Amino acid sequence: MIWRGSCLQNLLQSLRLGSLSQRGACICYSSQAASSLQQVSKPLASCVDGENEYANLDWDNLGFGITPADFMYSMKCSKGGSFEQGQLSRYGNVELSPSAGVLNYGQGLYEGTKAYRKEDGRLLLFRPDQNAIRMKMGADRLCMPCPSIDQFVDAVKGVALANKRWVPPPGKGTLYIRPLLMGSGPVLGLAPAPEYTFLVYASPVGNYFKEGLAPLNLYIEEEFHRASRGGAGGVKSITNYAPVMKAIGRAKSRGFSDVLYLDSVNKKYLEEVSSCNIFLVKGNVISTPAASGTILQGVTRRSVIEIARDHGYQVEERAIPVEELMDADEVFCTGTAVGVAPVGNITYQNRRVEYQMRAESVSQELYSTLEGIKTGIIEDKKGWILEI
């Protein structure tokens, strides 16, 4: 069962109105069987009308794993064309040619954003337009057409609303929303694919790290590198992630939470952690590696920098020698999946540096403000929140 084109807009409106008859009109064509309409309408109705308001999950024990929500969104376009008509459908497998560009040459990008549930049941999205802008940058780097910012945001909104029963109760987690852009058309020689697919699916999640909110212990990797100058480290290419799995697996087998990478040229400057950006605190100064092509321009990173400056901190984006970790007052990580996560210790060349955990730490201060804005507890004066 699918919803096509402008029907997504009707779905967004009908879900806001809470009318089952309106939802039915949007969901199917006149040729669709009544049984199919009933099958698809029921979960949508329960999202809004109160019946089975939540999916049957153990909300107190959510991890960061795939629990597919009911619906996903997809949209296609040809090389040289533009994305025009999308559809919502049941979550399920997608069909790809064995010679698809994404499978053979890694022509693909992904994004990550989250939907939050307020106490009154309304849903909030945090800066999805910034994810759309970043995907557009990445698509240009990988020679792919890209949905417009409005198309991207509307698709994320549609997926969040259609899967409302999968958005965890306040304080229990979030609905992680994963937009994908890939070369889905067949290609044999090394060239851009002839067709592209934009997909959005969702899964309820809890904390990214198994430690939960406990401080992270990081290992500085010297053998493997995450990115190199002139590469794709500054965009969210799917090719950036498989190469770090070996380093992550090795670190986790030794009891570490994740890996912190150094630059590939001098092998002495901090880059980022496998799945998040890193910050150092020294006195009133907060430093983070400059996003100069090898470091992902994280949406959370950018938001934390702005919040820190609002709180009176001096924020520096610059090259940071690894030695500065040894003298830092505090270290923390930021990212969509991890939020703002304190670092308890870092190991480098068999030397372990411990950081004192304080109740009134800088990371806790920034975390409280950021999460307060995301969840609607703190007034959004920056225009970051999209209520749906």
Protein backbone atom coordinates (compact mmCIF):
# COMPACT_ATOMS: atom_id res chain seq x y z
CA MET A 1 0.00 0.00 0.00
CA ILE A 2 1.44 3.34 -1.02
CA TRP A 3 0.68 7.06 -0.82
CA ARG A 4 1.89 9.03 -3.84
CA GLY A 5 2.92 12.61 -4.67
CA SER A 6 0.78 15.32 -3.12
CA CYS A 7 -0.96 12.66 -1.05
CA LEU A 8 1.93 12.94 1.45
CA GLN A 9 0.90 16.54 2.07
CA ASN A 10 -2.70 15.38 2.54
CA LEU A 11 -1.49 12.76 5.00
CA LEU A 12 0.33 15.39 7.03
CA GLN A 13 -2.77 17.55 7.11
CA SER A 14 -5.19 14.72 7.84
CA LEU A 15 -3.07 13.41 10.68
CA ARG A 16 -3.12 16.87 12.25
CA LEU A 17 -6.93 17.00 11.88
CA GLY A 18 -7.31 13.51 13.33
CA SER A 19 -10.12 12.50 10.94
CA LEU A 20 -10.16 8.83 9.97
CA SER A 21 -12.32 9.51 6.91
CA GLN A 22 -9.85 12.10 5.68
CA ARG A 23 -7.00 9.70 6.23
CA GLY A 24 -8.82 7.06 4.24
CA ALA A 25 -9.28 9.46 1.34
CA CYS A 26 -5.56 10.13 1.25
CA ILE A 27 -4.38 6.59 1.68
CA CYS A 28 -5.83 4.81 -1.30
CA TYR A 29 -7.17 5.14 -4.82
CA SER A 30 -10.80 4.29 -5.61
CA SER A 31 -9.65 1.03 -7.15
CA GLN A 32 -8.07 -0.09 -3.88
CA ALA A 33 -9.90 -2.82 -1.97
CA ALA A 34 -11.70 -1.81 1.22
CA SER A 35 -9.82 -4.49 3.11
CA SER A 36 -6.51 -2.91 2.14
CA LEU A 37 -7.73 0.48 3.31
CA GLN A 38 -8.74 -0.97 6.66
CA GLN A 39 -5.39 -2.72 7.01
CA VAL A 40 -3.36 0.44 6.49
CA SER A 41 -5.67 2.92 8.21
CA LYS A 42 -5.71 1.17 11.57
CA PRO A 43 -2.16 1.98 12.69
CA LEU A 44 -2.52 5.54 11.40
CA ALA A 45 -5.75 5.97 13.32
CA SER A 46 -4.22 4.59 16.50
CA CYS A 47 -1.41 7.13 16.22
CA VAL A 48 -3.81 9.99 16.52
CA ASP A 49 -7.05 8.86 18.08
CA GLY A 50 -5.65 7.32 21.25
CA GLU A 51 -6.29 3.61 20.58
CA ASN A 52 -3.00 1.76 21.03
CA GLU A 53 -1.24 5.11 21.32
CA TYR A 54 2.11 3.35 21.64
CA ALA A 55 3.55 0.31 19.91
CA ASN A 56 4.02 -2.74 22.12
CA LEU A 57 7.64 -2.26 23.19
CA ASP A 58 9.63 -2.32 26.42
CA TRP A 59 10.21 1.44 26.45
CA ASP A 60 12.37 1.24 29.57
CA ASN A 61 15.01 -0.88 27.85
CA LEU A 62 15.52 0.61 24.41
CA GLY A 63 18.97 0.24 22.94
CA PHE A 64 20.32 1.58 19.67
CA GLY A 65 19.25 -1.23 17.37
CA ILE A 66 16.86 -1.61 14.47
CA THR A 67 13.20 -1.96 15.44
CA PRO A 68 11.52 -0.99 12.17
CA ALA A 69 8.56 1.34 12.46
CA ASP A 70 5.50 0.72 10.29
CA PHE A 71 6.12 3.01 7.34
CA MET A 72 8.91 4.28 5.13
CA TYR A 73 9.11 6.85 2.35
CA SER A 74 10.69 6.55 -1.08
CA MET A 75 11.22 8.75 -4.13
CA LYS A 76 13.15 8.18 -7.38
CA CYS A 77 14.64 10.24 -10.17
CA SER A 78 16.75 9.67 -13.28
CA LYS A 79 20.24 10.99 -13.89
CA GLY A 80 19.99 14.61 -14.93
CA GLY A 81 16.41 14.79 -13.66
CA SER A 82 14.86 15.93 -10.41
CA PHE A 83 12.92 14.27 -7.61
CA GLU A 84 9.21 14.92 -8.07
CA GLN A 85 6.87 12.24 -6.71
CA GLY A 86 7.35 10.31 -3.47
CA GLN A 87 5.36 7.66 -1.66
CA LEU A 88 4.80 6.24 1.80
CA SER A 89 4.64 2.46 2.05
CA ARG A 90 4.94 -0.30 4.58
CA TYR A 91 8.49 -0.82 5.82
CA GLY A 92 10.05 -3.64 3.85
CA ASN A 93 12.89 -4.78 1.65
CA VAL A 94 13.85 -2.79 -1.45
CA GLU A 95 14.73 -4.27 -4.82
CA LEU A 96 18.09 -3.38 -6.36
CA SER A 97 19.95 -4.49 -9.45
CA PRO A 98 23.17 -6.39 -8.68
CA SER A 99 24.90 -3.70 -10.74
CA ALA A 100 23.36 -0.79 -8.77
CA GLY A 101 25.81 2.09 -8.32
CA VAL A 102 25.46 1.98 -4.55
CA LEU A 103 26.38 -1.72 -4.41
CA ASN A 104 29.30 -1.59 -6.84
CA TYR A 105 30.83 1.84 -6.23
CA GLY A 106 29.44 3.01 -2.89
CA GLN A 107 27.47 5.90 -4.42
CA GLY A 108 25.36 6.64 -1.37
CA LEU A 109 24.76 9.03 1.52
CA TYR A 110 22.78 8.89 4.71
CA GLU A 111 21.55 11.31 7.34
CA GLY A 112 20.24 10.92 10.87
CA THR A 113 17.69 12.99 12.77
CA LYS A 114 15.24 12.37 15.59
CA ALA A 115 11.61 12.96 16.52
CA TYR A 116 10.81 13.78 20.16
CA ARG A 117 7.47 13.39 21.93
CA LYS A 118 6.26 16.13 24.25
CA GLU A 119 4.18 15.47 27.34
CA ASP A 120 1.07 16.59 25.45
CA GLY A 121 1.77 14.08 22.67
CA ARG A 122 2.95 16.52 20.03
CA LEU A 123 6.06 15.65 18.04
CA LEU A 124 9.15 17.81 17.58
CA LEU A 125 11.95 17.64 15.01
CA PHE A 126 15.34 19.28 15.57
CA ARG A 127 16.78 21.25 12.64
CA PRO A 128 15.90 18.77 9.85
CA ASP A 129 16.63 21.51 7.30
CA GLN A 130 20.30 21.33 8.32
CA ASN A 131 20.36 17.61 7.53
CA ALA A 132 18.81 18.42 4.15
CA ILE A 133 21.50 21.01 3.45
CA ARG A 134 24.25 18.59 4.43
CA MET A 135 22.78 15.87 2.20
CA LYS A 136 22.78 18.34 -0.68
CA MET A 137 26.49 19.03 -0.09
CA GLY A 138 27.22 15.31 -0.03
CA ALA A 139 25.16 14.63 -3.13
CA ASP A 140 27.16 17.22 -5.03
CA ARG A 141 30.41 15.57 -3.88
CA LEU A 142 29.19 12.12 -5.02
CA CYS A 143 27.64 13.31 -8.33
CA MET A 144 24.03 12.61 -7.33
CA PRO A 145 20.83 14.62 -7.72
CA CYS A 146 19.25 15.46 -4.37
CA PRO A 147 15.77 16.19 -3.03
CA SER A 148 15.12 19.84 -2.30
CA ILE A 149 15.23 21.02 1.30
CA ASP A 150 11.42 21.15 1.37
CA GLN A 151 11.11 17.65 -0.10
CA PHE A 152 13.57 16.29 2.45
CA VAL A 153 11.85 17.94 5.41
CA ASP A 154 8.36 16.94 4.22
CA ALA A 155 9.49 13.32 3.87
CA VAL A 156 10.93 13.31 7.41
CA LYS A 157 7.72 14.88 8.74
CA GLY A 158 5.61 12.31 6.93
CA VAL A 159 7.61 9.38 8.29
CA ALA A 160 7.47 10.78 11.84
CA LEU A 161 3.70 11.30 11.73
CA ALA A 162 2.89 7.99 10.06
CA ASN A 163 4.99 6.21 12.73
CA LYS A 164 3.81 8.25 15.69
CA ARG A 165 3.03 5.20 17.81
CA TRP A 166 6.72 4.27 17.58
CA VAL A 167 7.90 7.57 19.08
CA PRO A 168 8.88 6.68 22.68
CA PRO A 169 7.19 8.32 25.67
CA PRO A 170 8.92 11.50 26.92
CA GLY A 171 12.21 10.63 28.62
CA LYS A 172 12.27 7.06 27.29
CA GLY A 173 14.03 7.63 23.97
CA THR A 174 13.44 9.04 20.50
CA LEU A 175 12.34 7.99 17.04
CA TYR A 176 15.55 7.86 15.01
CA ILE A 177 14.85 8.79 11.39
CA ARG A 178 17.31 7.66 8.71
CA PRO A 179 17.16 9.35 5.27
CA LEU A 180 19.19 7.60 2.53
CA LEU A 181 20.20 8.73 -0.95
CA MET A 182 21.72 6.19 -3.29
CA GLY A 183 22.58 5.38 -6.87
CA SER A 184 20.02 2.63 -7.43
CA GLY A 185 20.33 2.34 -11.22
CA PRO A 186 22.54 -0.29 -12.91
CA VAL A 187 26.04 0.67 -13.98
CA LEU A 188 29.08 -1.43 -14.89
CA GLY A 189 31.82 1.06 -15.72
CA LEU A 190 32.91 3.55 -13.08
CA ALA A 191 30.36 6.33 -13.58
CA PRO A 192 27.35 7.92 -11.84
CA ALA A 193 24.28 5.68 -11.77
CA PRO A 194 21.42 6.33 -14.23
CA GLU A 195 18.77 6.32 -11.45
CA TYR A 196 18.63 7.48 -7.83
CA THR A 197 16.47 6.58 -4.86
CA PHE A 198 15.74 8.64 -1.76
CA LEU A 199 14.52 6.54 1.20
CA VAL A 200 13.48 7.45 4.74
CA TYR A 201 12.81 4.89 7.46
CA ALA A 202 12.60 5.06 11.25
CA SER A 203 13.29 3.09 14.42
CA PRO A 204 12.72 3.87 18.12
CA VAL A 205 16.03 4.09 19.98
CA GLY A 206 17.55 4.68 23.38
CA ASN A 207 21.18 5.51 24.17
CA TYR A 208 23.73 4.93 21.43
CA PHE A 209 26.46 3.60 23.71
CA LYS A 210 25.85 0.59 25.95
CA GLU A 211 27.21 2.67 28.84
CA GLY A 212 24.05 4.77 28.61
CA LEU A 213 24.79 8.18 30.11
CA ALA A 214 27.97 6.94 31.80
CA PRO A 215 31.27 8.56 30.71
CA LEU A 216 32.92 7.10 27.62
CA ASN A 217 36.37 5.55 27.49
CA LEU A 218 38.08 6.20 24.17
CA TYR A 219 41.09 4.70 22.42
CA ILE A 220 43.24 6.80 20.09
CA GLU A 221 43.86 4.85 16.90
CA GLU A 222 47.25 5.23 15.20
CA GLU A 223 47.19 2.48 12.57
CA PHE A 224 43.88 3.25 10.85
CA HIS A 225 42.52 6.61 9.72
CA ARG A 226 38.94 7.68 9.21
CA ALA A 227 39.52 10.15 6.36
CA SER A 228 42.19 11.82 4.26
CA ARG A 229 42.55 15.21 2.62
CA GLY A 230 40.65 15.46 -0.63
CA GLY A 231 38.47 12.48 0.28
CA ALA A 232 34.85 12.30 1.41
CA GLY A 233 35.35 12.61 5.17
CA GLY A 234 33.54 15.93 5.26
CA VAL A 235 30.27 14.49 3.91
CA LYS A 236 28.12 11.66 5.21
CA SER A 237 29.11 9.15 2.54
CA ILE A 238 28.38 5.52 3.32
CA THR A 239 31.98 4.76 2.31
CA ASN A 240 33.28 6.50 5.45
CA TYR A 241 31.90 3.91 7.84
CA ALA A 242 32.79 0.35 6.84
CA PRO A 243 36.56 1.10 6.96
CA VAL A 244 36.37 2.05 10.65
CA MET A 245 34.61 -1.14 11.73
CA LYS A 246 37.89 -2.99 12.17
CA ALA A 247 39.29 -0.30 14.46
CA ILE A 248 36.03 -0.13 16.45
CA GLY A 249 35.85 -3.89 16.83
CA ARG A 250 39.43 -4.06 18.03
CA ALA A 251 38.88 -1.26 20.52
CA LYS A 252 35.64 -2.71 21.89
CA SER A 253 37.25 -6.11 22.34
CA ARG A 254 39.64 -4.34 24.72
CA GLY A 255 36.84 -2.69 26.65
CA PHE A 256 36.75 0.75 25.01
CA SER A 257 33.58 2.58 24.00
CA ASP A 258 34.85 3.90 20.68
CA VAL A 259 37.87 5.13 18.72
CA LEU A 260 39.27 8.65 18.38
CA TYR A 261 41.13 9.17 15.09
CA LEU A 262 44.12 11.35 14.23
CA ASP A 263 44.77 13.15 10.95
CA SER A 264 46.26 10.96 8.24
CA VAL A 265 49.03 13.40 7.20
CA ASN A 266 50.79 14.43 10.41
CA LYS A 267 49.25 11.76 12.62
CA LYS A 268 49.18 14.18 15.54
CA TYR A 269 46.02 16.27 15.24
CA LEU A 270 42.61 15.19 16.54
CA GLU A 271 39.94 14.45 13.94
CA GLU A 272 36.77 12.85 15.33
CA VAL A 273 35.36 9.74 16.95
CA SER A 274 33.84 7.03 14.72
CA SER A 275 30.29 8.32 15.13
CA CYS A 276 30.62 11.79 16.66
CA ASN A 277 32.63 15.00 16.97
CA ILE A 278 34.92 15.76 19.91
CA PHE A 279 35.38 18.81 22.15
CA LEU A 280 38.02 19.76 24.75
CA VAL A 281 37.49 22.15 27.67
CA LYS A 282 40.26 24.17 29.29
CA GLY A 283 39.10 26.89 31.64
CA ASN A 284 36.56 29.02 29.80
CA VAL A 285 37.75 27.88 26.37
CA ILE A 286 36.08 25.06 24.43
CA SER A 287 38.02 23.72 21.45
CA THR A 288 36.98 21.38 18.65
CA PRO A 289 38.77 20.33 15.45
CA ALA A 290 37.94 22.59 12.51
CA ALA A 291 35.67 21.02 9.90
CA SER A 292 38.15 21.46 7.06
CA GLY A 293 37.22 18.63 4.72
CA THR A 294 38.09 15.51 6.70
CA ILE A 295 35.69 16.15 9.60
CA LEU A 296 31.92 15.92 9.36
CA GLN A 297 30.04 19.15 9.98
CA GLY A 298 27.70 17.74 12.59
CA VAL A 299 24.33 19.39 13.20
CA THR A 300 24.71 18.74 16.92
CA ARG A 301 28.29 20.05 16.77
CA ARG A 302 27.15 23.32 15.22
CA SER A 303 24.30 23.65 17.73
CA VAL A 304 26.54 23.00 20.74
CA ILE A 305 29.03 25.62 19.51
CA GLU A 306 26.26 28.21 19.33
CA ILE A 307 24.84 27.27 22.74
CA ALA A 308 28.32 27.38 24.32
CA ARG A 309 28.91 30.90 22.99
CA ASP A 310 25.50 31.94 24.31
CA HIS A 311 26.62 30.66 27.74
CA GLY A 312 29.72 32.85 27.65
CA TYR A 313 32.33 30.30 26.61
CA GLN A 314 35.03 31.06 24.07
CA VAL A 315 34.80 28.45 21.32
CA GLU A 316 37.73 27.71 19.03
CA GLU A 317 37.58 25.64 15.84
CA ARG A 318 41.19 24.77 15.04
CA ALA A 319 43.83 22.08 14.65
CA ILE A 320 44.25 20.41 18.05
CA PRO A 321 47.45 18.44 18.79
CA VAL A 322 46.81 15.16 20.56
CA GLU A 323 48.98 16.32 23.48
CA GLU A 324 46.32 18.84 24.49
CA LEU A 325 44.14 15.96 25.64
CA MET A 326 46.60 15.33 28.44
CA ASP A 327 46.02 18.76 29.92
CA ALA A 328 42.30 19.24 29.25
CA ASP A 329 39.88 19.85 32.11
CA GLU A 330 37.10 17.99 30.35
CA VAL A 331 36.38 16.18 27.08
CA PHE A 332 33.02 15.38 25.51
CA CYS A 333 31.52 14.14 22.25
CA THR A 334 28.53 15.34 20.23
CA GLY A 335 26.33 13.80 17.55
CA THR A 336 22.72 13.08 16.60
CA ALA A 337 22.92 9.53 17.89
CA VAL A 338 25.00 10.24 21.03
CA GLY A 339 23.71 13.70 21.97
CA VAL A 340 26.31 15.26 24.28
CA ALA A 341 28.35 12.49 25.91
CA PRO A 342 31.08 13.05 28.53
CA VAL A 343 34.42 11.26 28.16
CA GLY A 344 35.79 9.63 31.31
CA ASN A 345 39.18 8.58 29.99
CA ILE A 346 41.29 8.35 26.84
CA THR A 347 44.13 5.93 26.12
CA TYR A 348 46.99 6.96 23.85
CA GLN A 349 50.24 5.05 23.36
CA ASN A 350 49.59 2.98 26.49
CA ARG A 351 49.00 6.11 28.55
CA ARG A 352 45.57 6.54 30.09
CA VAL A 353 44.27 10.01 30.95
CA GLU A 354 41.37 10.27 33.40
CA TYR A 355 38.95 13.20 33.50
CA GLN A 356 37.20 14.14 36.70
CA MET A 357 33.45 13.82 36.46
CA ARG A 358 31.67 16.77 38.07
CA ALA A 359 27.92 17.28 38.56
CA GLU A 360 28.21 20.80 37.16
CA SER A 361 30.43 19.99 34.19
CA VAL A 362 30.45 21.98 30.97
CA SER A 363 29.14 19.01 29.00
CA GLN A 364 26.23 18.60 31.43
CA GLU A 365 25.42 22.30 31.15
CA LEU A 366 25.39 22.15 27.36
CA TYR A 367 23.53 18.83 27.32
CA SER A 368 20.77 20.18 29.56
CA THR A 369 20.24 23.21 27.36
CA LEU A 370 20.34 21.28 24.10
CA GLU A 371 17.99 18.53 25.29
CA GLY A 372 15.69 21.12 26.84
CA ILE A 373 15.33 22.82 23.47
CA LYS A 374 14.90 19.53 21.60
CA THR A 375 12.13 18.33 23.91
CA GLY A 376 10.28 21.64 24.22
CA ILE A 377 11.12 22.17 27.89
CA ILE A 378 13.25 25.23 27.08
CA GLU A 379 11.83 27.88 24.77
CA ASP A 380 13.30 27.72 21.29
CA LYS A 381 14.48 31.23 20.50
CA LYS A 382 16.59 30.16 17.52
CA GLY A 383 14.00 28.65 15.23
CA TRP A 384 15.57 25.19 15.51
CA ILE A 385 12.43 23.22 16.41
CA LEU A 386 9.84 22.06 13.89
CA GLU A 387 6.59 21.01 15.57
CA ILE A 388 4.46 18.54 13.63
